[in-house]
All heavy atoms as atom14 arrays in JSON, in Angstrom:
{
  "sequence": "DSTPELYTNEWASFSTKDFPDNWHAKTGDIVRDIMLDVEDRRP",
  "atom14_mask": [
    [1, 1, 1, 1, 1, 1, 1, 1, 0, 0, 0, 0, 0, 0],
    [1, 1, 1, 1, 1, 1, 0, 0, 0, 0, 0, 0, 0, 0],
    [1, 1, 1, 1, 1, 1, 1, 0, 0, 0, 0, 0, 0, 0],
    [1, 1, 1, 1, 1, 1, 1, 0, 0, 0, 0, 0, 0, 0],
    [1, 1, 1, 1, 1, 1, 1, 1, 1, 0, 0, 0, 0, 0],
    [1, 1, 1, 1, 1, 1, 1, 1, 0, 0, 0, 0, 0, 0],
    [1, 1, 1, 1, 1, 1, 1, 1, 1, 1, 1, 1, 0, 0],
    [1, 1, 1, 1, 1, 1, 1, 0, 0, 0, 0, 0, 0, 0],
    [1, 1, 1, 1, 1, 1, 1, 1, 0, 0, 0, 0, 0, 0],
    [1, 1, 1, 1, 1, 1, 1, 1, 1, 0, 0, 0, 0, 0],
    [1, 1, 1, 1, 1, 1, 1, 1, 1, 1, 1, 1, 1, 1],
    [1, 1, 1, 1, 1, 0, 0, 0, 0, 0, 0, 0, 0, 0],
    [1, 1, 1, 1, 1, 1, 0, 0, 0, 0, 0, 0, 0, 0],
    [1, 1, 1, 1, 1, 1, 1, 1, 1, 1, 1, 0, 0, 0],
    [1, 1, 1, 1, 1, 1, 0, 0, 0, 0, 0, 0, 0, 0],
    [1, 1, 1, 1, 1, 1, 1, 0, 0, 0, 0, 0, 0, 0],
    [1, 1, 1, 1, 1, 1, 1, 1, 1, 0, 0, 0, 0, 0],
    [1, 1, 1, 1, 1, 1, 1, 1, 0, 0, 0, 0, 0, 0],
    [1, 1, 1, 1, 1, 1, 1, 1, 1, 1, 1, 0, 0, 0],
    [1, 1, 1, 1, 1, 1, 1, 0, 0, 0, 0, 0, 0, 0],
    [1, 1, 1, 1, 1, 1, 1, 1, 0, 0, 0, 0, 0, 0],
    [1, 1, 1, 1, 1, 1, 1, 1, 0, 0, 0, 0, 0, 0],
    [1, 1, 1, 1, 1, 1, 1, 1, 1, 1, 1, 1, 1, 1],
    [1, 1, 1, 1, 1, 1, 1, 1, 1, 1, 0, 0, 0, 0],
    [1, 1, 1, 1, 1, 0, 0, 0, 0, 0, 0, 0, 0, 0],
    [1, 1, 1, 1, 1, 1, 1, 1, 1, 0, 0, 0, 0, 0],
    [1, 1, 1, 1, 1, 1, 1, 0, 0, 0, 0, 0, 0, 0],
    [1, 1, 1, 1, 0, 0, 0, 0, 0, 0, 0, 0, 0, 0],
    [1, 1, 1, 1, 1, 1, 1, 1, 0, 0, 0, 0, 0, 0],
    [1, 1, 1, 1, 1, 1, 1, 1, 0, 0, 0, 0, 0, 0],
    [1, 1, 1, 1, 1, 1, 1, 0, 0, 0, 0, 0, 0, 0],
    [1, 1, 1, 1, 1, 1, 1, 1, 1, 1, 1, 0, 0, 0],
    [1, 1, 1, 1, 1, 1, 1, 1, 0, 0, 0, 0, 0, 0],
    [1, 1, 1, 1, 1, 1, 1, 1, 0, 0, 0, 0, 0, 0],
    [1, 1, 1, 1, 1, 1, 1, 1, 0, 0, 0, 0, 0, 0],
    [1, 1, 1, 1, 1, 1, 1, 1, 0, 0, 0, 0, 0, 0],
    [1, 1, 1, 1, 1, 1, 1, 1, 0, 0, 0, 0, 0, 0],
    [1, 1, 1, 1, 1, 1, 1, 0, 0, 0, 0, 0, 0, 0],
    [1, 1, 1, 1, 1, 1, 1, 1, 1, 0, 0, 0, 0, 0],
    [1, 1, 1, 1, 1, 1, 1, 1, 0, 0, 0, 0, 0, 0],
    [1, 1, 1, 1, 1, 1, 1, 1, 1, 1, 1, 0, 0, 0],
    [1, 1, 1, 1, 1, 1, 1, 1, 1, 1, 1, 0, 0, 0],
    [1, 1, 1, 1, 1, 1, 1, 0, 0, 0, 0, 0, 0, 0]
  ],
  "atom14_positions": [
    [[-0.96, -14.0, 1.64], [-0.28, -12.83, 1.09], [-1.31, -11.74, 0.79], [-2.52, -11.98, 0.81], [0.49, -13.19, -0.18], [1.6, -12.18, -0.49], [1.78, -11.22, 0.28], [2.27, -12.35, -1.5], [0.0, 0.0, 0.0], [0.0, 0.0, 0.0], [0.0, 0.0, 0.0], [0.0, 0.0, 0.0], [0.0, 0.0, 0.0], [0.0, 0.0, 0.0]],
    [[-0.8, -10.58, 0.47], [-1.64, -9.46, 0.07], [-2.16, -9.7, -1.34], [-1.45, -10.23, -2.19], [-0.81, -8.17, 0.04], [-0.1, -8.0, 1.22], [0.0, 0.0, 0.0], [0.0, 0.0, 0.0], [0.0, 0.0, 0.0], [0.0, 0.0, 0.0], [0.0, 0.0, 0.0], [0.0, 0.0, 0.0], [0.0, 0.0, 0.0], [0.0, 0.0, 0.0]],
    [[-3.38, -9.3, -1.59], [-3.89, -9.32, -2.96], [-3.27, -8.14, -3.7], [-2.87, -7.14, -3.07], [-5.42, -9.18, -3.0], [-5.8, -7.93, -2.43], [-6.11, -10.33, -2.29], [0.0, 0.0, 0.0], [0.0, 0.0, 0.0], [0.0, 0.0, 0.0], [0.0, 0.0, 0.0], [0.0, 0.0, 0.0], [0.0, 0.0, 0.0], [0.0, 0.0, 0.0]],
    [[-3.21, -8.19, -5.01], [-2.74, -7.02, -5.76], [-3.56, -5.77, -5.45], [-3.04, -4.65, -5.44], [-2.89, -7.45, -7.22], [-2.75, -8.94, -7.18], [-3.41, -9.35, -5.89], [0.0, 0.0, 0.0], [0.0, 0.0, 0.0], [0.0, 0.0, 0.0], [0.0, 0.0, 0.0], [0.0, 0.0, 0.0], [0.0, 0.0, 0.0], [0.0, 0.0, 0.0]],
    [[-4.83, -5.96, -5.14], [-5.73, -4.83, -4.85], [-5.39, -4.12, -3.55], [-5.79, -2.97, -3.34], [-7.19, -5.31, -4.82], [-7.72, -5.76, -6.16], [-7.26, -7.16, -6.58], [-6.76, -7.93, -5.72], [-7.4, -7.49, -7.76], [0.0, 0.0, 0.0], [0.0, 0.0, 0.0], [0.0, 0.0, 0.0], [0.0, 0.0, 0.0], [0.0, 0.0, 0.0]],
    [[-4.66, -4.78, -2.66], [-4.3, -4.12, -1.4], [-3.54, -2.83, -1.67], [-3.68, -1.86, -0.92], [-3.44, -5.04, -0.52], [-3.11, -4.45, 0.85], [-3.3, -5.46, 1.95], [-1.72, -3.87, 0.9], [0.0, 0.0, 0.0], [0.0, 0.0, 0.0], [0.0, 0.0, 0.0], [0.0, 0.0, 0.0], [0.0, 0.0, 0.0], [0.0, 0.0, 0.0]],
    [[-2.77, -2.8, -2.74], [-1.88, -1.67, -3.0], [-2.51, -0.56, -3.83], [-1.85, 0.44, -4.14], [-0.6, -2.18, -3.67], [0.07, -3.2, -2.8], [-0.01, -4.55, -3.08], [0.73, -2.8, -1.64], [0.57, -5.48, -2.24], [1.3, -3.73, -0.8], [1.22, -5.07, -1.1], [1.79, -5.99, -0.26], [0.0, 0.0, 0.0], [0.0, 0.0, 0.0]],
    [[-3.79, -0.71, -4.17], [-4.45, 0.31, -5.0], [-5.77, 0.77, -4.41], [-6.55, 1.44, -5.09], [-4.68, -0.22, -6.43], [-5.43, -1.42, -6.38], [-3.35, -0.47, -7.13], [0.0, 0.0, 0.0], [0.0, 0.0, 0.0], [0.0, 0.0, 0.0], [0.0, 0.0, 0.0], [0.0, 0.0, 0.0], [0.0, 0.0, 0.0], [0.0, 0.0, 0.0]],
    [[-6.03, 0.44, -3.16], [-7.27, 0.83, -2.5], [-6.96, 1.34, -1.1], [-5.87, 1.14, -0.59], [-8.24, -0.36, -2.43], [-8.77, -0.73, -3.79], [-9.68, -0.09, -4.29], [-8.19, -1.75, -4.41], [0.0, 0.0, 0.0], [0.0, 0.0, 0.0], [0.0, 0.0, 0.0], [0.0, 0.0, 0.0], [0.0, 0.0, 0.0], [0.0, 0.0, 0.0]],
    [[-7.96, 1.95, -0.5], [-7.85, 2.42, 0.89], [-8.52, 1.39, 1.79], [-9.51, 0.77, 1.4], [-8.49, 3.79, 1.06], [-7.75, 4.9, 0.33], [-6.33, 5.07, 0.84], [-6.15, 5.43, 2.02], [-5.39, 4.84, 0.06], [0.0, 0.0, 0.0], [0.0, 0.0, 0.0], [0.0, 0.0, 0.0], [0.0, 0.0, 0.0], [0.0, 0.0, 0.0]],
    [[-7.98, 1.24, 3.01], [-8.43, 0.21, 3.93], [-8.57, 0.77, 5.33], [-8.06, 1.85, 5.63], [-7.41, -0.93, 3.95], [-7.1, -1.42, 2.57], [-6.04, -1.02, 1.79], [-7.84, -2.32, 1.78], [-6.09, -1.64, 0.58], [-7.19, -2.45, 0.54], [-9.01, -3.05, 2.0], [-7.67, -3.28, -0.47], [-9.47, -3.88, 1.0], [-8.8, -3.99, -0.22]],
    [[-9.2, 0.02, 6.2], [-9.35, 0.45, 7.59], [-7.98, 0.59, 8.27], [-7.79, 1.47, 9.11], [-10.22, -0.54, 8.36], [0.0, 0.0, 0.0], [0.0, 0.0, 0.0], [0.0, 0.0, 0.0], [0.0, 0.0, 0.0], [0.0, 0.0, 0.0], [0.0, 0.0, 0.0], [0.0, 0.0, 0.0], [0.0, 0.0, 0.0], [0.0, 0.0, 0.0]],
    [[-7.03, -0.26, 7.89], [-5.74, -0.22, 8.57], [-4.55, 0.08, 7.65], [-3.41, 0.07, 8.11], [-5.5, -1.54, 9.31], [-5.53, -2.62, 8.41], [0.0, 0.0, 0.0], [0.0, 0.0, 0.0], [0.0, 0.0, 0.0], [0.0, 0.0, 0.0], [0.0, 0.0, 0.0], [0.0, 0.0, 0.0], [0.0, 0.0, 0.0], [0.0, 0.0, 0.0]],
    [[-4.8, 0.34, 6.37], [-3.73, 0.68, 5.42], [-4.16, 1.82, 4.53], [-5.33, 1.94, 4.19], [-3.41, -0.51, 4.48], [-2.83, -1.7, 5.15], [-3.62, -2.78, 5.48], [-1.47, -1.76, 5.43], [-3.09, -3.9, 6.08], [-0.93, -2.87, 6.03], [-1.74, -3.94, 6.37], [0.0, 0.0, 0.0], [0.0, 0.0, 0.0], [0.0, 0.0, 0.0]],
    [[-3.2, 2.63, 4.13], [-3.45, 3.68, 3.13], [-2.42, 3.53, 2.0], [-1.23, 3.32, 2.26], [-3.33, 5.07, 3.74], [-3.5, 6.05, 2.73], [0.0, 0.0, 0.0], [0.0, 0.0, 0.0], [0.0, 0.0, 0.0], [0.0, 0.0, 0.0], [0.0, 0.0, 0.0], [0.0, 0.0, 0.0], [0.0, 0.0, 0.0], [0.0, 0.0, 0.0]],
    [[-2.9, 3.65, 0.78], [-2.01, 3.57, -0.39], [-2.1, 4.82, -1.26], [-1.4, 4.92, -2.26], [-2.37, 2.35, -1.26], [-3.7, 2.5, -1.76], [-2.26, 1.06, -0.47], [0.0, 0.0, 0.0], [0.0, 0.0, 0.0], [0.0, 0.0, 0.0], [0.0, 0.0, 0.0], [0.0, 0.0, 0.0], [0.0, 0.0, 0.0], [0.0, 0.0, 0.0]],
    [[-2.93, 5.79, -0.87], [-3.19, 6.95, -1.74], [-1.94, 7.77, -2.07], [-1.91, 8.44, -3.09], [-4.27, 7.83, -1.12], [-3.87, 8.49, 0.18], [-5.0, 9.29, 0.77], [-4.57, 9.82, 2.12], [-5.67, 10.41, 2.85], [0.0, 0.0, 0.0], [0.0, 0.0, 0.0], [0.0, 0.0, 0.0], [0.0, 0.0, 0.0], [0.0, 0.0, 0.0]],
    [[-0.92, 7.71, -1.22], [0.3, 8.5, -1.46], [1.3, 7.79, -2.37], [2.4, 8.31, -2.59], [0.99, 8.8, -0.12], [0.17, 9.73, 0.76], [-0.62, 10.52, 0.21], [0.32, 9.64, 1.99], [0.0, 0.0, 0.0], [0.0, 0.0, 0.0], [0.0, 0.0, 0.0], [0.0, 0.0, 0.0], [0.0, 0.0, 0.0], [0.0, 0.0, 0.0]],
    [[0.91, 6.66, -2.94], [1.85, 5.86, -3.74], [1.25, 5.49, -5.09], [0.9, 4.33, -5.35], [2.26, 4.6, -2.96], [2.73, 4.92, -1.57], [1.93, 4.69, -0.47], [3.98, 5.51, -1.38], [2.35, 5.01, 0.81], [4.41, 5.85, -0.11], [3.6, 5.6, 0.99], [0.0, 0.0, 0.0], [0.0, 0.0, 0.0], [0.0, 0.0, 0.0]],
    [[1.15, 6.46, -6.0], [0.54, 6.19, -7.31], [1.31, 5.18, -8.16], [0.73, 4.55, -9.04], [0.51, 7.57, -7.99], [1.53, 8.39, -7.26], [1.58, 7.85, -5.86], [0.0, 0.0, 0.0], [0.0, 0.0, 0.0], [0.0, 0.0, 0.0], [0.0, 0.0, 0.0], [0.0, 0.0, 0.0], [0.0, 0.0, 0.0], [0.0, 0.0, 0.0]],
    [[2.59, 4.98, -7.88], [3.36, 3.98, -8.64], [2.84, 2.56, -8.39], [3.05, 1.67, -9.22], [4.85, 4.04, -8.27], [5.53, 5.28, -8.82], [4.94, 5.94, -9.71], [6.63, 5.6, -8.36], [0.0, 0.0, 0.0], [0.0, 0.0, 0.0], [0.0, 0.0, 0.0], [0.0, 0.0, 0.0], [0.0, 0.0, 0.0], [0.0, 0.0, 0.0]],
    [[2.14, 2.35, -7.28], [1.56, 1.03, -7.0], [0.63, 0.58, -8.12], [0.49, -0.62, -8.37], [0.77, 1.05, -5.69], [1.63, 1.13, -4.45], [2.85, 1.17, -4.52], [0.98, 1.17, -3.3], [0.0, 0.0, 0.0], [0.0, 0.0, 0.0], [0.0, 0.0, 0.0], [0.0, 0.0, 0.0], [0.0, 0.0, 0.0], [0.0, 0.0, 0.0]],
    [[-0.04, 1.52, -8.77], [-1.03, 1.19, -9.79], [-0.41, 0.5, -11.0], [-1.12, -0.16, -11.77], [-1.77, 2.45, -10.24], [-2.81, 2.86, -9.24], [-2.61, 3.61, -8.11], [-4.18, 2.52, -9.26], [-3.79, 3.75, -7.43], [-4.77, 3.1, -8.13], [-4.97, 1.79, -10.13], [-6.12, 2.96, -7.84], [-6.33, 1.66, -9.85], [-6.89, 2.24, -8.71]],
    [[0.88, 0.66, -11.2], [1.54, 0.1, -12.39], [2.51, -1.02, -12.03], [3.32, -1.43, -12.85], [2.3, 1.22, -13.13], [1.44, 2.41, -13.4], [0.43, 2.4, -14.33], [1.42, 3.63, -12.83], [-0.18, 3.57, -14.33], [0.4, 4.34, -13.43], [0.0, 0.0, 0.0], [0.0, 0.0, 0.0], [0.0, 0.0, 0.0], [0.0, 0.0, 0.0]],
    [[2.39, -1.54, -10.82], [3.34, -2.55, -10.34], [3.21, -3.86, -11.11], [2.11, -4.28, -11.49], [3.13, -2.79, -8.85], [0.0, 0.0, 0.0], [0.0, 0.0, 0.0], [0.0, 0.0, 0.0], [0.0, 0.0, 0.0], [0.0, 0.0, 0.0], [0.0, 0.0, 0.0], [0.0, 0.0, 0.0], [0.0, 0.0, 0.0], [0.0, 0.0, 0.0]],
    [[4.36, -4.49, -11.3], [4.46, -5.82, -11.88], [5.19, -6.71, -10.87], [5.83, -6.21, -9.95], [5.24, -5.77, -13.19], [4.62, -4.88, -14.26], [5.45, -4.82, -15.54], [6.82, -4.25, -15.44], [7.04, -2.94, -14.96], [0.0, 0.0, 0.0], [0.0, 0.0, 0.0], [0.0, 0.0, 0.0], [0.0, 0.0, 0.0], [0.0, 0.0, 0.0]],
    [[5.08, -8.0, -11.05], [5.75, -8.93, -10.15], [7.22, -8.55, -9.99], [7.92, -8.32, -10.97], [5.63, -10.37, -10.67], [4.24, -10.74, -10.61], [6.44, -11.34, -9.83], [0.0, 0.0, 0.0], [0.0, 0.0, 0.0], [0.0, 0.0, 0.0], [0.0, 0.0, 0.0], [0.0, 0.0, 0.0], [0.0, 0.0, 0.0], [0.0, 0.0, 0.0]],
    [[7.65, -8.45, -8.74], [9.02, -8.09, -8.41], [9.21, -6.62, -8.08], [10.23, -6.24, -7.51], [0.0, 0.0, 0.0], [0.0, 0.0, 0.0], [0.0, 0.0, 0.0], [0.0, 0.0, 0.0], [0.0, 0.0, 0.0], [0.0, 0.0, 0.0], [0.0, 0.0, 0.0], [0.0, 0.0, 0.0], [0.0, 0.0, 0.0], [0.0, 0.0, 0.0]],
    [[8.23, -5.77, -8.43], [8.33, -4.34, -8.12], [8.08, -4.09, -6.63], [7.36, -4.83, -5.97], [7.3, -3.53, -8.92], [7.62, -3.45, -10.4], [8.74, -3.82, -10.81], [6.72, -3.01, -11.16], [0.0, 0.0, 0.0], [0.0, 0.0, 0.0], [0.0, 0.0, 0.0], [0.0, 0.0, 0.0], [0.0, 0.0, 0.0], [0.0, 0.0, 0.0]],
    [[8.66, -3.02, -6.14], [8.41, -2.59, -4.76], [7.12, -1.76, -4.74], [6.94, -0.86, -5.56], [9.58, -1.73, -4.22], [10.88, -2.54, -4.21], [9.26, -1.17, -2.83], [10.89, -3.71, -3.26], [0.0, 0.0, 0.0], [0.0, 0.0, 0.0], [0.0, 0.0, 0.0], [0.0, 0.0, 0.0], [0.0, 0.0, 0.0], [0.0, 0.0, 0.0]],
    [[6.23, -2.1, -3.82], [5.0, -1.34, -3.6], [5.02, -0.85, -2.16], [5.75, -1.39, -1.32], [3.74, -2.18, -3.88], [3.52, -2.35, -5.37], [3.8, -3.54, -3.2], [0.0, 0.0, 0.0], [0.0, 0.0, 0.0], [0.0, 0.0, 0.0], [0.0, 0.0, 0.0], [0.0, 0.0, 0.0], [0.0, 0.0, 0.0], [0.0, 0.0, 0.0]],
    [[4.24, 0.18, -1.88], [4.27, 0.79, -0.55], [2.86, 1.04, -0.02], [1.93, 1.23, -0.79], [5.03, 2.12, -0.61], [6.49, 1.96, -0.93], [7.17, 3.29, -1.23], [8.59, 3.08, -1.49], [9.09, 2.67, -2.65], [8.31, 2.43, -3.66], [10.4, 2.5, -2.81], [0.0, 0.0, 0.0], [0.0, 0.0, 0.0], [0.0, 0.0, 0.0]],
    [[2.76, 1.05, 1.28], [1.54, 1.48, 1.95], [1.92, 2.02, 3.32], [3.08, 1.93, 3.73], [0.5, 0.36, 2.03], [0.99, -0.87, 2.78], [1.62, -0.72, 3.84], [0.74, -1.98, 2.3], [0.0, 0.0, 0.0], [0.0, 0.0, 0.0], [0.0, 0.0, 0.0], [0.0, 0.0, 0.0], [0.0, 0.0, 0.0], [0.0, 0.0, 0.0]],
    [[0.95, 2.58, 3.98], [1.15, 3.11, 5.33], [0.16, 2.41, 6.24], [-1.04, 2.36, 5.94], [0.95, 4.64, 5.38], [2.04, 5.33, 4.55], [0.95, 5.13, 6.82], [1.86, 6.82, 4.41], [0.0, 0.0, 0.0], [0.0, 0.0, 0.0], [0.0, 0.0, 0.0], [0.0, 0.0, 0.0], [0.0, 0.0, 0.0], [0.0, 0.0, 0.0]],
    [[0.66, 1.86, 7.33], [-0.21, 1.23, 8.32], [-0.84, 2.32, 9.18], [-0.14, 3.17, 9.73], [0.58, 0.25, 9.18], [1.1, -0.94, 8.41], [2.12, -2.05, 9.41], [0.96, -2.58, 10.65], [0.0, 0.0, 0.0], [0.0, 0.0, 0.0], [0.0, 0.0, 0.0], [0.0, 0.0, 0.0], [0.0, 0.0, 0.0], [0.0, 0.0, 0.0]],
    [[-2.16, 2.3, 9.28], [-2.89, 3.33, 10.01], [-3.18, 2.97, 11.47], [-3.59, 3.83, 12.24], [-4.22, 3.62, 9.3], [-4.09, 4.05, 7.83], [-5.48, 4.17, 7.21], [-3.32, 5.36, 7.73], [0.0, 0.0, 0.0], [0.0, 0.0, 0.0], [0.0, 0.0, 0.0], [0.0, 0.0, 0.0], [0.0, 0.0, 0.0], [0.0, 0.0, 0.0]],
    [[-2.97, 1.72, 11.81], [-3.34, 1.28, 13.16], [-2.13, 1.09, 14.08], [-2.22, 0.41, 15.09], [-4.17, 0.0, 13.1], [-3.48, -1.13, 12.36], [-2.41, -0.9, 11.76], [-4.02, -2.25, 12.35], [0.0, 0.0, 0.0], [0.0, 0.0, 0.0], [0.0, 0.0, 0.0], [0.0, 0.0, 0.0], [0.0, 0.0, 0.0], [0.0, 0.0, 0.0]],
    [[-1.0, 1.72, 13.71], [0.19, 1.72, 14.56], [0.71, 3.15, 14.65], [0.4, 3.99, 13.81], [1.3, 0.77, 14.01], [0.83, -0.67, 14.02], [1.75, 1.18, 12.64], [0.0, 0.0, 0.0], [0.0, 0.0, 0.0], [0.0, 0.0, 0.0], [0.0, 0.0, 0.0], [0.0, 0.0, 0.0], [0.0, 0.0, 0.0], [0.0, 0.0, 0.0]],
    [[1.5, 3.4, 15.66], [2.04, 4.74, 15.86], [3.02, 5.15, 14.76], [3.04, 6.3, 14.32], [2.71, 4.8, 17.23], [3.04, 6.19, 17.68], [3.59, 6.21, 19.11], [3.03, 5.51, 19.97], [4.58, 6.94, 19.33], [0.0, 0.0, 0.0], [0.0, 0.0, 0.0], [0.0, 0.0, 0.0], [0.0, 0.0, 0.0], [0.0, 0.0, 0.0]],
    [[3.85, 4.23, 14.32], [4.87, 4.5, 13.31], [4.22, 4.53, 11.93], [3.78, 3.51, 11.4], [5.95, 3.41, 13.37], [7.11, 3.67, 12.42], [7.05, 4.62, 11.62], [8.09, 2.91, 12.5], [0.0, 0.0, 0.0], [0.0, 0.0, 0.0], [0.0, 0.0, 0.0], [0.0, 0.0, 0.0], [0.0, 0.0, 0.0], [0.0, 0.0, 0.0]],
    [[4.14, 5.7, 11.33], [3.46, 5.88, 10.05], [4.43, 5.95, 8.86], [4.08, 6.44, 7.79], [2.59, 7.14, 10.08], [1.47, 7.1, 11.09], [0.39, 6.11, 10.65], [-0.64, 5.9, 11.65], [-1.79, 6.52, 11.7], [-2.09, 7.41, 10.79], [-2.66, 6.26, 12.65], [0.0, 0.0, 0.0], [0.0, 0.0, 0.0], [0.0, 0.0, 0.0]],
    [[5.65, 5.46, 9.05], [6.56, 5.42, 7.91], [6.06, 4.39, 6.9], [5.49, 3.38, 7.28], [7.97, 5.04, 8.37], [8.66, 6.15, 9.16], [10.01, 5.71, 9.63], [9.84, 4.65, 10.62], [10.83, 3.98, 11.18], [12.08, 4.22, 10.84], [10.59, 3.05, 12.08], [0.0, 0.0, 0.0], [0.0, 0.0, 0.0], [0.0, 0.0, 0.0]],
    [[6.28, 4.65, 5.61], [5.83, 3.71, 4.58], [6.45, 2.33, 4.75], [7.61, 2.19, 5.13], [6.3, 4.34, 3.27], [6.44, 5.8, 3.59], [6.88, 5.86, 5.03], [0.0, 0.0, 0.0], [0.0, 0.0, 0.0], [0.0, 0.0, 0.0], [0.0, 0.0, 0.0], [0.0, 0.0, 0.0], [0.0, 0.0, 0.0], [0.0, 0.0, 0.0]]
  ]
}
């Protein structure tokens, strides 16, 4: 699974900078990121 840190850092293939709510997530909350290595950039 993803580490909690996946949703609060920038990565080679993911971006989370547009989702500040991720920083306050608790178990069960929806978190978002954008995949950078695919054509479809929807969250």
